[in-house]
PDB file of N, CA and C in Angstrom:
ATOM      1  N   UNK A   1      98.786  92.009 120.500  1.00  0.00           N
ATOM      2  CA  UNK A   1      99.343  93.123 120.450  1.00  0.00           C
ATOM      3  C   UNK A   1      98.790  94.565 121.052  1.00  0.00           C
ATOM      4  N   UNK A   2      99.277  95.082 121.612  1.00  0.00           N
ATOM      5  CA  UNK A   2      98.881  96.444 122.259  1.00  0.00           C
ATOM      6  C   UNK A   2      99.187  97.332 120.955  1.00  0.00           C
ATOM      7  N   UNK A   3      98.682  98.441 121.275  1.00  0.00           N
ATOM      8  CA  UNK A   3      98.822  99.621 120.411  1.00  0.00           C
ATOM      9  C   UNK A   3     100.105 100.019 120.247  1.00  0.00           C
ATOM     10  N   UNK A   4     100.783  99.964 121.156  1.00  0.00           N
ATOM     11  CA  UNK A   4     102.298 100.697 121.579  1.00  0.00           C
ATOM     12  C   UNK A   4     103.200  99.676 120.682  1.00  0.00           C
ATOM     13  N   UNK A   5     102.738  98.403 121.056  1.00  0.00           N
ATOM     14  CA  UNK A   5     103.917  97.015 120.571  1.00  0.00           C
ATOM     15  C   UNK A   5     103.840  97.209 118.969  1.00  0.00           C
ATOM     16  N   UNK A   6     102.385  97.413 118.502  1.00  0.00           N
ATOM     17  CA  UNK A   6     102.177  97.438 117.137  1.00  0.00           C
ATOM     18  C   UNK A   6     102.939  98.761 116.710  1.00  0.00           C
ATOM     19  N   UNK A   7     102.848  99.850 117.367  1.00  0.00           N
ATOM     20  CA  UNK A   7     103.570 101.012 116.686  1.00  0.00           C
ATOM     21  C   UNK A   7     105.172 100.871 116.747  1.00  0.00           C
ATOM     22  N   UNK A   8     105.568  99.889 117.761  1.00  0.00           N
ATOM     23  CA  UNK A   8     106.616  99.861 117.748  1.00  0.00           C
ATOM     24  C   UNK A   8     107.418  98.771 116.754  1.00  0.00           C
ATOM     25  N   UNK A   9     106.815  97.890 116.547  1.00  0.00           N
ATOM     26  CA  UNK A   9     107.028  97.014 115.269  1.00  0.00           C
ATOM     27  C   UNK A   9     107.069  97.568 113.924  1.00  0.00           C
ATOM     28  N   UNK A  10     105.717  98.231 113.862  1.00  0.00           N
ATOM     29  CA  UNK A  10     105.715  99.164 112.555  1.00  0.00           C
ATOM     30  C   UNK A  10     106.686  99.840 112.102  1.00  0.00           C
ATOM     31  N   UNK A  11     107.292 100.874 113.293  1.00  0.00           N
ATOM     32  CA  UNK A  11     108.282 101.483 113.158  1.00  0.00           C
ATOM     33  C   UNK A  11     109.542 100.923 112.532  1.00  0.00           C
ATOM     34  N   UNK A  12     110.126  99.795 113.446  1.00  0.00           N
ATOM     35  CA  UNK A  12     111.148  99.150 113.091  1.00  0.00           C
ATOM     36  C   UNK A  12     111.137  98.316 111.748  1.00  0.00           C
ATOM     37  N   UNK A  13     109.934  97.935 111.161  1.00  0.00           N
ATOM     38  CA  UNK A  13     110.144  97.351 109.816  1.00  0.00           C
ATOM     39  C   UNK A  13     110.022  98.537 108.684  1.00  0.00           C
ATOM     40  N   UNK A  14     109.322  99.707 108.907  1.00  0.00           N
ATOM     41  CA  UNK A  14     109.338 100.779 108.166  1.00  0.00           C
ATOM     42  C   UNK A  14     110.910 101.268 107.935  1.00  0.00           C
ATOM     43  N   UNK A  15     111.201 101.394 109.082  1.00  0.00           N
ATOM     44  CA  UNK A  15     112.751 102.091 108.992  1.00  0.00           C
ATOM     45  C   UNK A  15     113.638 101.084 108.199  1.00  0.00           C
ATOM     46  N   UNK A  16     113.445  99.810 108.066  1.00  0.00           N
ATOM     47  CA  UNK A  16     113.929  98.900 107.178  1.00  0.00           C
ATOM     48  C   UNK A  16     113.800  98.806 105.671  1.00  0.00           C
ATOM     49  N   UNK A  17     112.339  99.673 105.263  1.00  0.00           N
ATOM     50  CA  UNK A  17     112.046  99.602 104.121  1.00  0.00           C
ATOM     51  C   UNK A  17     111.111  98.071 103.670  1.00  0.00           C
ATOM     52  N   UNK A  18     110.721  97.802 105.023  1.00  0.00           N
ATOM     53  CA  UNK A  18     110.122  96.262 104.912  1.00  0.00           C
ATOM     54  C   UNK A  18     108.435  96.694 105.214  1.00  0.00           C
ATOM     55  N   UNK A  19     108.001  97.488 104.329  1.00  0.00           N
ATOM     56  CA  UNK A  19     106.681  97.714 104.294  1.00  0.00           C
ATOM     57  C   UNK A  19     105.652  96.496 104.012  1.00  0.00           C
ATOM     58  N   UNK A  20     105.675  95.856 103.213  1.00  0.00           N
ATOM     59  CA  UNK A  20     105.007  94.660 102.885  1.00  0.00           C
ATOM     60  C   UNK A  20     105.108  93.499 104.203  1.00  0.00           C
ATOM     61  N   UNK A  21     106.242  93.479 104.555  1.00  0.00           N
ATOM     62  CA  UNK A  21     106.368  92.802 105.825  1.00  0.00           C
ATOM     63  C   UNK A  21     105.189  93.229 106.820  1.00  0.00           C
ATOM     64  N   UNK A  22     105.557  94.557 107.165  1.00  0.00           N
ATOM     65  CA  UNK A  22     104.475  95.240 108.107  1.00  0.00           C
ATOM     66  C   UNK A  22     102.992  95.083 107.771  1.00  0.00           C
ATOM     67  N   UNK A  23     102.828  95.274 106.716  1.00  0.00           N
ATOM     68  CA  UNK A  23     101.169  94.970 105.999  1.00  0.00           C
ATOM     69  C   UNK A  23     101.033  93.645 106.242  1.00  0.00           C
ATOM     70  N   UNK A  24     101.651  92.593 106.101  1.00  0.00           N
ATOM     71  CA  UNK A  24     101.215  91.155 106.290  1.00  0.00           C
ATOM     72  C   UNK A  24     100.941  90.855 107.583  1.00  0.00           C
ATOM     73  N   UNK A  25     101.953  91.292 108.537  1.00  0.00           N
ATOM     74  CA  UNK A  25     102.268  91.164 109.826  1.00  0.00           C
ATOM     75  C   UNK A  25     101.239  91.871 110.801  1.00  0.00           C
ATOM     76  N   UNK A  26     101.119  92.895 110.601  1.00  0.00           N
ATOM     77  CA  UNK A  26     100.310  93.981 111.411  1.00  0.00           C
ATOM     78  C   UNK A  26      98.857  94.234 110.789  1.00  0.00           C
ATOM     79  N   UNK A  27      98.360  94.087 109.449  1.00  0.00           N
ATOM     80  CA  UNK A  27      97.090  94.939 109.187  1.00  0.00           C
ATOM     81  C   UNK A  27      96.152  93.671 109.358  1.00  0.00           C
ATOM     82  N   UNK A  28      95.071  94.489 109.687  1.00  0.00           N
ATOM     83  CA  UNK A  28      93.683  93.423 109.271  1.00  0.00           C
ATOM     84  C   UNK A  28      93.388  93.255 107.912  1.00  0.00           C
ATOM     85  N   UNK A  29      92.938  92.031 107.650  1.00  0.00           N
ATOM     86  CA  UNK A  29      92.567  91.640 106.450  1.00  0.00           C
ATOM     87  C   UNK A  29      91.669  92.524 105.616  1.00  0.00           C
ATOM     88  N   UNK A  30      90.658  93.456 106.472  1.00  0.00           N
ATOM     89  CA  UNK A  30      89.922  94.482 105.964  1.00  0.00           C
ATOM     90  C   UNK A  30      90.335  95.767 105.932  1.00  0.00           C
ATOM     91  N   UNK A  31      91.539  95.961 106.154  1.00  0.00           N
ATOM     92  CA  UNK A  31      92.149  97.226 106.275  1.00  0.00           C
ATOM     93  C   UNK A  31      91.941  98.326 105.066  1.00  0.00           C
ATOM     94  N   UNK A  32      91.891  99.462 105.481  1.00  0.00           N
ATOM     95  CA  UNK A  32      91.553 100.644 104.490  1.00  0.00           C
ATOM     96  C   UNK A  32      92.621 101.742 104.455  1.00  0.00           C
ATOM     97  N   UNK A  33      93.368 101.775 103.386  1.00  0.00           N
ATOM     98  CA  UNK A  33      94.468 102.822 102.939  1.00  0.00           C
ATOM     99  C   UNK A  33      93.696 104.129 102.212  1.00  0.00           C
ATOM    100  N   UNK A  34      93.983 104.948 102.789  1.00  0.00           N
ATOM    101  CA  UNK A  34      93.543 106.467 102.097  1.00  0.00           C
ATOM    102  C   UNK A  34      94.888 107.249 101.906  1.00  0.00           C
ATOM    103  N   UNK A  35      94.791 107.505 100.844  1.00  0.00           N
ATOM    104  CA  UNK A  35      95.784 108.837 100.120  1.00  0.00           C
ATOM    105  C   UNK A  35      95.106 109.988 100.405  1.00  0.00           C
ATOM    106  N   UNK A  36      96.359 111.065 100.097  1.00  0.00           N
ATOM    107  CA  UNK A  36      95.732 112.327 100.178  1.00  0.00           C
ATOM    108  C   UNK A  36      94.799 113.041  99.046  1.00  0.00           C
ATOM    109  N   UNK A  37      94.777 112.194  98.163  1.00  0.00           N
ATOM    110  CA  UNK A  37      94.145 112.309  96.691  1.00  0.00           C
ATOM    111  C   UNK A  37      94.475 111.402  95.962  1.00  0.00           C
ATOM    112  N   UNK A  38      93.610 111.161  94.713  1.00  0.00           N
ATOM    113  CA  UNK A  38      93.599 110.193  93.730  1.00  0.00           C
ATOM    114  C   UNK A  38      94.758 110.426  92.768  1.00  0.00           C
ATOM    115  N   UNK A  39      95.710 109.767  92.549  1.00  0.00           N
ATOM    116  CA  UNK A  39      96.810 109.998  91.162  1.00  0.00           C
ATOM    117  C   UNK A  39      96.536 108.992  90.325  1.00  0.00           C
ATOM    118  N   UNK A  40      96.968 109.143  89.223  1.00  0.00           N
ATOM    119  CA  UNK A  40      97.089 108.056  88.288  1.00  0.00           C
ATOM    120  C   UNK A  40      97.487 106.685  88.653  1.00  0.00           C
ATOM    121  N   UNK A  41      96.825 105.635  88.439  1.00  0.00           N
ATOM    122  CA  UNK A  41      97.139 104.480  88.991  1.00  0.00           C
ATOM    123  C   UNK A  41      96.840 103.960  90.354  1.00  0.00           C
ATOM    124  N   UNK A  42      96.518 105.023  91.131  1.00  0.00           N
ATOM    125  CA  UNK A  42      96.276 104.861  92.633  1.00  0.00           C
ATOM    126  C   UNK A  42      94.603 105.407  92.889  1.00  0.00           C
ATOM    127  N   UNK A  43      93.915 104.930  93.707  1.00  0.00           N
ATOM    128  CA  UNK A  43      92.425 105.199  94.185  1.00  0.00           C
ATOM    129  C   UNK A  43      92.804 106.124  95.608  1.00  0.00           C
ATOM    130  N   UNK A  44      92.061 106.958  95.699  1.00  0.00           N
ATOM    131  CA  UNK A  44      91.932 107.924  97.155  1.00  0.00           C
ATOM    132  C   UNK A  44      91.949 106.703  98.268  1.00  0.00           C
ATOM    133  N   UNK A  45      90.954 105.718  98.078  1.00  0.00           N
ATOM    134  CA  UNK A  45      90.784 104.946  99.109  1.00  0.00           C
ATOM    135  C   UNK A  45      90.937 103.443  98.349  1.00  0.00           C
ATOM    136  N   UNK A  46      91.738 102.587  99.260  1.00  0.00           N
ATOM    137  CA  UNK A  46      92.086 101.405  98.740  1.00  0.00           C
ATOM    138  C   UNK A  46      91.278 100.330 100.034  1.00  0.00           C
ATOM    139  N   UNK A  47      90.820  99.320  99.479  1.00  0.00           N
ATOM    140  CA  UNK A  47      90.057  98.390 100.599  1.00  0.00           C
ATOM    141  C   UNK A  47      90.717  96.819 100.503  1.00  0.00           C
ATOM    142  N   UNK A  48      90.969  96.250 101.789  1.00  0.00           N
ATOM    143  CA  UNK A  48      91.459  94.893 101.799  1.00  0.00           C
ATOM    144  C   UNK A  48      92.857  94.922 101.600  1.00  0.00           C
ATOM    145  N   UNK A  49      93.643  93.783 102.473  1.00  0.00           N
ATOM    146  CA  UNK A  49      94.993  93.798 102.378  1.00  0.00           C
ATOM    147  C   UNK A  49      95.598  93.167 101.132  1.00  0.00           C
ATOM    148  N   UNK A  50      94.868  92.406 100.360  1.00  0.00           N
ATOM    149  CA  UNK A  50      95.221  92.211  99.045  1.00  0.00           C
ATOM    150  C   UNK A  50      95.589  93.292  98.242  1.00  0.00           C
ATOM    151  N   UNK A  51      94.613  94.260  98.178  1.00  0.00           N
ATOM    152  CA  UNK A  51      94.618  95.504  97.439  1.00  0.00           C
ATOM    153  C   UNK A  51      95.724  96.562  98.143  1.00  0.00           C
ATOM    154  N   UNK A  52      95.828  96.693  99.472  1.00  0.00           N
ATOM    155  CA  UNK A  52      96.848  97.462  99.658  1.00  0.00           C
ATOM    156  C   UNK A  52      98.254  96.995  99.529  1.00  0.00           C
ATOM    157  N   UNK A  53      98.583  95.811  99.335  1.00  0.00           N
ATOM    158  CA  UNK A  53      99.742  95.167  99.006  1.00  0.00           C
ATOM    159  C   UNK A  53      99.908  95.329  97.866  1.00  0.00           C
ATOM    160  N   UNK A  54      99.067  95.381  97.038  1.00  0.00           N
ATOM    161  CA  UNK A  54      99.215  95.619  95.224  1.00  0.00           C
ATOM    162  C   UNK A  54      99.447  97.195  95.231  1.00  0.00           C
ATOM    163  N   UNK A  55      99.023  97.963  95.789  1.00  0.00           N
ATOM    164  CA  UNK A  55      99.349  99.356  95.843  1.00  0.00           C
ATOM    165  C   UNK A  55     101.035  99.574  96.031  1.00  0.00           C
ATOM    166  N   UNK A  56     101.202  98.955  97.121  1.00  0.00           N
ATOM    167  CA  UNK A  56     102.457  98.846  97.662  1.00  0.00           C
ATOM    168  C   UNK A  56     103.444  98.410  96.484  1.00  0.00           C
ATOM    169  N   UNK A  57     103.045  97.677  95.796  1.00  0.00           N
ATOM    170  CA  UNK A  57     104.077  96.923  94.546  1.00  0.00           C
ATOM    171  C   UNK A  57     103.629  97.937  93.343  1.00  0.00           C
ATOM    172  N   UNK A  58     102.656  98.619  93.096  1.00  0.00           N
ATOM    173  CA  UNK A  58     102.567  99.551  92.272  1.00  0.00           C
ATOM    174  C   UNK A  58     103.552 100.907  92.618  1.00  0.00           C
ATOM    175  N   UNK A  59     103.570 101.127  93.528  1.00  0.00           N
ATOM    176  CA  UNK A  59     104.523 102.247  94.176  1.00  0.00           C
ATOM    177  C   UNK A  59     105.933 101.941  93.810  1.00  0.00           C
ATOM    178  N   UNK A  60     106.448 100.882  94.435  1.00  0.00           N
ATOM    179  CA  UNK A  60     107.623 100.215  94.450  1.00  0.00           C
ATOM    180  C   UNK A  60     108.223 100.434  92.917  1.00  0.00           C
ATOM    181  N   UNK A  61     107.277  99.917  92.040  1.00  0.00           N
ATOM    182  CA  UNK A  61     107.695 100.142  90.581  1.00  0.00           C
ATOM    183  C   UNK A  61     107.878 101.165  89.722  1.00  0.00           C
ATOM    184  N   UNK A  62     107.399 102.213  90.587  1.00  0.00           N
ATOM    185  CA  UNK A  62     107.469 103.527  90.051  1.00  0.00           C
ATOM    186  C   UNK A  62     109.002 104.018  90.524  1.00  0.00           C
ATOM    187  N   UNK A  63     109.496 103.777  91.538  1.00  0.00           N
ATOM    188  CA  UNK A  63     110.686 104.037  92.018  1.00  0.00           C
ATOM    189  C   UNK A  63     111.942 103.218  91.546  1.00  0.00           C
ATOM    190  N   UNK A  64     112.737 104.320  91.185  1.00  0.00           N
ATOM    191  CA  UNK A  64     114.333 103.873  90.534  1.00  0.00           C
ATOM    192  C   UNK A  64     115.027 103.466  91.679  1.00  0.00           C
ATOM    193  N   UNK A  65     115.143 104.449  92.654  1.00  0.00           N
ATOM    194  CA  UNK A  65     116.127 104.318  93.886  1.00  0.00           C
ATOM    195  C   UNK A  65     115.776 104.557  94.858  1.00  0.00           C
ATOM    196  N   UNK A  66     115.606 103.933  96.053  1.00  0.00           N
ATOM    197  CA  UNK A  66     115.450 104.546  97.251  1.00  0.00           C
ATOM    198  C   UNK A  66     117.245 104.755  98.011  1.00  0.00           C
ATOM    199  N   UNK A  67     117.222 106.315  98.165  1.00  0.00           N
ATOM    200  CA  UNK A  67     118.442 106.731  98.985  1.00  0.00           C
ATOM    201  C   UNK A  67     118.373 106.481 100.355  1.00  0.00           C
ATOM    202  N   UNK A  68     117.149 106.678 100.830  1.00  0.00           N
ATOM    203  CA  UNK A  68     117.131 106.595 102.482  1.00  0.00           C
ATOM    204  C   UNK A  68     115.836 106.944 103.079  1.00  0.00           C
ATOM    205  N   UNK A  69     115.766 106.182 104.217  1.00  0.00           N
ATOM    206  CA  UNK A  69     114.329 106.362 104.710  1.00  0.00           C
ATOM    207  C   UNK A  69     114.328 106.730 106.333  1.00  0.00           C
ATOM    208  N   UNK A  70     113.832 107.585 106.603  1.00  0.00           N
ATOM    209  CA  UNK A  70     113.891 108.460 107.898  1.00  0.00           C
ATOM    210  C   UNK A  70     112.282 108.266 108.442  1.00  0.00           C
ATOM    211  N   UNK A  71     112.117 108.006 109.913  1.00  0.00           N
ATOM    212  CA  UNK A  71     111.031 107.812 110.300  1.00  0.00           C
ATOM    213  C   UNK A  71     110.954 108.247 111.749  1.00  0.00           C
ATOM    214  N   UNK A  72     110.113 109.303 112.419  1.00  0.00           N
ATOM    215  CA  UNK A  72     110.287 109.655 113.392  1.00  0.00           C
ATOM    216  C   UNK A  72     109.783 108.687 114.523  1.00  0.00           C
ATOM    217  N   UNK A  73     110.090 108.964 115.834  1.00  0.00           N
ATOM    218  CA  UNK A  73     109.504 107.923 116.725  1.00  0.00           C
ATOM    219  C   UNK A  73     107.752 107.952 116.715  1.00  0.00           C
ATOM    220  N   UNK A  74     107.263 106.889 116.710  1.00  0.00           N
ATOM    221  CA  UNK A  74     105.635 106.783 116.493  1.00  0.00           C
ATOM    222  C   UNK A  74     105.154 107.524 117.859  1.00  0.00           C
ATOM    223  N   UNK A  75     103.981 108.405 117.632  1.00  0.00           N
ATOM    224  CA  UNK A  75     103.248 108.833 119.006  1.00  0.00           C
ATOM    225  C   UNK A  75     102.064 107.792 118.968  1.00  0.00           C
ATOM    226  N   UNK A  76     101.772 107.488 119.940  1.00  0.00           N
ATOM    227  CA  UNK A  76     100.521 106.527 120.320  1.00  0.00           C
ATOM    228  C   UNK A  76      99.521 107.373 121.347  1.00  0.00           C
ATOM    229  N   UNK A  77      98.271 107.433 120.702  1.00  0.00           N
ATOM    230  CA  UNK A  77      97.410 108.074 121.714  1.00  0.00           C
ATOM    231  C   UNK A  77      96.050 107.055 121.795  1.00  0.00           C
ATOM    232  N   UNK A  78      95.717 106.629 122.854  1.00  0.00           N
ATOM    233  CA  UNK A  78      94.550 105.496 122.529  1.00  0.00           C
ATOM    234  C   UNK A  78      94.708 104.258 121.602  1.00  0.00           C
ATOM    235  N   UNK A  79      94.170 103.785 120.528  1.00  0.00           N
ATOM    236  CA  UNK A  79      94.140 103.198 119.532  1.00  0.00           C
ATOM    237  C   UNK A  79      94.644 103.860 118.525  1.00  0.00           C
ATOM    238  N   UNK A  80      95.405 104.806 118.482  1.00  0.00           N
ATOM    239  CA  UNK A  80      95.781 105.503 117.201  1.00  0.00           C
ATOM    240  C   UNK A  80      97.350 105.553 117.294  1.00  0.00           C
ATOM    241  N   UNK A  81      97.827 105.651 115.872  1.00  0.00           N
ATOM    242  CA  UNK A  81      99.407 105.940 116.034  1.00  0.00           C
ATOM    243  C   UNK A  81      99.671 106.738 114.669  1.00  0.00           C
ATOM    244  N   UNK A  82     100.709 107.420 115.005  1.00  0.00           N
ATOM    245  CA  UNK A  82     101.169 108.547 114.037  1.00  0.00           C
ATOM    246  C   UNK A  82     102.623 108.743 114.010  1.00  0.00           C
ATOM    247  N   UNK A  83     103.194 108.905 112.664  1.00  0.00           N
ATOM    248  CA  UNK A  83     104.624 109.224 112.763  1.00  0.00           C
ATOM    249  C   UNK A  83     105.057 110.104 111.371  1.00  0.00           C
ATOM    250  N   UNK A  84     106.336 110.416 111.319  1.00  0.00           N
ATOM    251  CA  UNK A  84     106.238 111.090 110.089  1.00  0.00           C
ATOM    252  C   UNK A  84     107.500 109.969 109.187  1.00  0.00           C
ATOM    253  N   UNK A  85     107.108 110.134 108.034  1.00  0.00           N
ATOM    254  CA  UNK A  85     108.140 108.974 107.130  1.00  0.00           C
ATOM    255  C   UNK A  85     108.586 110.003 106.000  1.00  0.00           C
ATOM    256  N   UNK A  86     109.851 109.986 106.013  1.00  0.00           N
ATOM    257  CA  UNK A  86     110.678 110.820 104.923  1.00  0.00           C
ATOM    258  C   UNK A  86     111.208 109.946 104.111  1.00  0.00           C
ATOM    259  N   UNK A  87     111.215 110.069 102.890  1.00  0.00           N
ATOM    260  CA  UNK A  87     112.089 109.109 101.964  1.00  0.00           C
ATOM    261  C   UNK A  87     112.768 110.079 101.060  1.00  0.00           C
ATOM    262  N   UNK A  88     113.924 109.451 100.854  1.00  0.00           N
ATOM    263  CA  UNK A  88     114.960 110.204  99.737  1.00  0.00           C
ATOM    264  C   UNK A  88     114.871 109.187  98.714  1.00  0.00           C
ATOM    265  N   UNK A  89     114.224 109.589  97.601  1.00  0.00           N
ATOM    266  CA  UNK A  89     114.085 108.528  96.412  1.00  0.00           C
ATOM    267  C   UNK A  89     114.192 109.486  95.232  1.00  0.00           C
ATOM    268  N   UNK A  90     114.569 108.412  94.142  1.00  0.00           N
ATOM    269  CA  UNK A  90     114.583 108.593  92.942  1.00  0.00           C
ATOM    270  C   UNK A  90     113.281 108.060  91.932  1.00  0.00           C
ATOM    271  N   UNK A  91     112.470 108.705  91.639  1.00  0.00           N
ATOM    272  CA  UNK A  91     111.173 108.100  90.642  1.00  0.00           C
ATOM    273  C   UNK A  91     111.634 108.024  89.379  1.00  0.00           C
ATOM    274  N   UNK A  92     111.268 106.774  88.554  1.00  0.00           N
ATOM    275  CA  UNK A  92     111.760 106.692  87.200  1.00  0.00           C
ATOM    276  C   UNK A  92     111.320 107.955  86.527  1.00  0.00           C
ATOM    277  N   UNK A  93     112.236 108.086  85.751  1.00  0.00           N
ATOM    278  CA  UNK A  93     112.216 109.457  84.709  1.00  0.00           C
ATOM    279  C   UNK A  93     112.078 110.853  85.414  1.00  0.00           C
ATOM    280  N   UNK A  94     112.502 110.724  86.821  1.00  0.00           N
ATOM    281  CA  UNK A  94     112.249 111.921  87.469  1.00  0.00           C
ATOM    282  C   UNK A  94     113.829 112.205  88.168  1.00  0.00           C
ATOM    283  N   UNK A  95     113.962 113.526  88.573  1.00  0.00           N
ATOM    284  CA  UNK A  95     114.885 113.877  89.440  1.00  0.00           C
ATOM    285  C   UNK A  95     114.866 113.127  91.101  1.00  0.00           C
ATOM    286  N   UNK A  96     116.031 112.988  91.718  1.00  0.00           N
ATOM    287  CA  UNK A  96     115.874 112.624  93.023  1.00  0.00           C
ATOM    288  C   UNK A  96     115.156 113.958  93.979  1.00  0.00           C
ATOM    289  N   UNK A  97     114.427 113.097  94.818  1.00  0.00           N
ATOM    290  CA  UNK A  97     113.539 114.140  95.713  1.00  0.00           C
ATOM    291  C   UNK A  97     113.318 113.589  97.150  1.00  0.00           C
ATOM    292  N   UNK A  98     112.708 114.444  97.784  1.00  0.00           N
ATOM    293  CA  UNK A  98     112.655 114.111  99.198  1.00  0.00           C
ATOM    294  C   UNK A  98     110.830 114.198  99.347  1.00  0.00           C
ATOM    295  N   UNK A  99     110.433 113.000  99.801  1.00  0.00           N
ATOM    296  CA  UNK A  99     108.974 112.924 100.192  1.00  0.00           C
ATOM    297  C   UNK A  99     108.900 112.707 101.694  1.00  0.00           C
ATOM    298  N   UNK A 100     107.883 113.537 102.103  1.00  0.00           N
ATOM    299  CA  UNK A 100     107.634 113.583 103.472  1.00  0.00           C
ATOM    300  C   UNK A 100     106.113 113.554 103.744  1.00  0.00           C
ATOM    301  N   UNK A 101     105.706 112.670 104.514  1.00  0.00           N
ATOM    302  CA  UNK A 101     104.078 112.472 104.801  1.00  0.00           C
ATOM    303  C   UNK A 101     103.987 112.047 106.440  1.00  0.00           C
ATOM    304  N   UNK A 102     102.920 112.261 106.771  1.00  0.00           N
ATOM    305  CA  UNK A 102     102.427 112.201 108.090  1.00  0.00           C
ATOM    306  C   UNK A 102     101.815 110.698 108.103  1.00  0.00           C
ATOM    307  N   UNK A 103     101.892 109.449 108.743  1.00  0.00           N
ATOM    308  CA  UNK A 103     101.164 108.549 108.482  1.00  0.00           C
ATOM    309  C   UNK A 103     100.690 108.387 109.534  1.00  0.00           C
ATOM    310  N   UNK A 104      99.054 107.960 109.419  1.00  0.00           N
ATOM    311  CA  UNK A 104      98.266 107.671 110.767  1.00  0.00           C
ATOM    312  C   UNK A 104      97.612 106.327 110.768  1.00  0.00           C
ATOM    313  N   UNK A 105      97.438 105.612 111.966  1.00  0.00           N
ATOM    314  CA  UNK A 105      97.070 104.320 111.772  1.00  0.00           C
ATOM    315  C   UNK A 105      95.967 104.247 112.681  1.00  0.00           C
ATOM    316  N   UNK A 106      95.146 103.672 112.895  1.00  0.00           N
ATOM    317  CA  UNK A 106      94.188 103.049 113.534  1.00  0.00           C
ATOM    318  C   UNK A 106      94.235 101.741 113.960  1.00  0.00           C
ATOM    319  N   UNK A 107      94.221 101.302 115.179  1.00  0.00           N
ATOM    320  CA  UNK A 107      94.090 100.029 115.686  1.00  0.00           C
ATOM    321  C   UNK A 107      92.823  99.620 116.436  1.00  0.00           C
ATOM    322  N   UNK A 108      92.263  98.241 116.077  1.00  0.00           N
ATOM    323  CA  UNK A 108      91.388  97.733 116.578  1.00  0.00           C
ATOM    324  C   UNK A 108      91.661  96.005 116.552  1.00  0.00           C
ATOM    325  N   UNK A 109      91.157  95.542 117.716  1.00  0.00           N
ATOM    326  CA  UNK A 109      91.326  93.915 118.086  1.00  0.00           C
ATOM    327  C   UNK A 109      93.040  93.819 117.614  1.00  0.00           C
ATOM    328  N   UNK A 110      93.863  94.349 118.057  1.00  0.00           N
ATOM    329  CA  UNK A 110      95.311  93.967 117.894  1.00  0.00           C
ATOM    330  C   UNK A 110      95.803  94.006 116.405  1.00  0.00           C
ATOM    331  N   UNK A 111      95.108  94.761 115.478  1.00  0.00           N
ATOM    332  CA  UNK A 111      95.251  94.841 114.112  1.00  0.00           C
ATOM    333  C   UNK A 111      95.333  95.979 113.508  1.00  0.00           C
ATOM    334  N   UNK A 112      96.168  96.644 112.826  1.00  0.00           N
ATOM    335  CA  UNK A 112      95.929  97.909 112.043  1.00  0.00           C
ATOM    336  C   UNK A 112      94.659  97.915 111.005  1.00  0.00           C
ATOM    337  N   UNK A 113      93.586  98.717 111.272  1.00  0.00           N
ATOM    338  CA  UNK A 113      92.312  98.530 110.367  1.00  0.00           C
ATOM    339  C   UNK A 113      92.256  99.945 109.498  1.00  0.00           C
ATOM    340  N   UNK A 114      92.954 100.817 109.873  1.00  0.00           N
ATOM    341  CA  UNK A 114      93.115 102.005 108.674  1.00  0.00           C
ATOM    342  C   UNK A 114      94.274 102.672 108.731  1.00  0.00           C
ATOM    343  N   UNK A 115      94.792 103.253 107.615  1.00  0.00           N
ATOM    344  CA  UNK A 115      96.016 103.890 107.555  1.00  0.00           C
ATOM    345  C   UNK A 115      95.653 105.062 106.468  1.00  0.00           C
ATOM    346  N   UNK A 116      96.372 106.467 106.969  1.00  0.00           N
ATOM    347  CA  UNK A 116      96.079 107.478 105.994  1.00  0.00           C
ATOM    348  C   UNK A 116      97.277 108.282 105.899  1.00  0.00           C
ATOM    349  N   UNK A 117      97.574 108.834 104.690  1.00  0.00           N
ATOM    350  CA  UNK A 117      98.577 109.631 104.660  1.00  0.00           C
ATOM    351  C   UNK A 117      98.290 110.943 104.184  1.00  0.00           C
ATOM    352  N   UNK A 118      99.163 111.796 104.811  1.00  0.00           N
ATOM    353  CA  UNK A 118      98.970 113.268 104.525  1.00  0.00           C
ATOM    354  C   UNK A 118     100.192 114.110 104.264  1.00  0.00           C
ATOM    355  N   UNK A 119     100.399 114.774 103.220  1.00  0.00           N
ATOM    356  CA  UNK A 119     101.489 115.384 102.699  1.00  0.00           C
ATOM    357  C   UNK A 119     101.285 116.912 102.540  1.00  0.00           C
TER     358      UNK A 119
END
């Protein structure tokens, strides 16, 4: 797949909230995921597809309800992809809130090899 094809498929799956499907289909087995900062239960850097999927499960377990997901059109430059992800969510034990982040991905050999999030 080209970077543009990966970007389109990633956006399609993320808009549906199918994050794990996107990871299994589009990510390298050696993917690296970088969060803006370490938080309780989450490392700043997670390496390997199984660990990234596990991190997704941990996040999902913290969410009481997802009210909506909005994703910008992906921007593609060379082998990089970026888009803005907005989530209207209620975390367990918290009030409903909006979370907005810039998601940046790097592609190599037809797979996503890194993702980084900026808030």
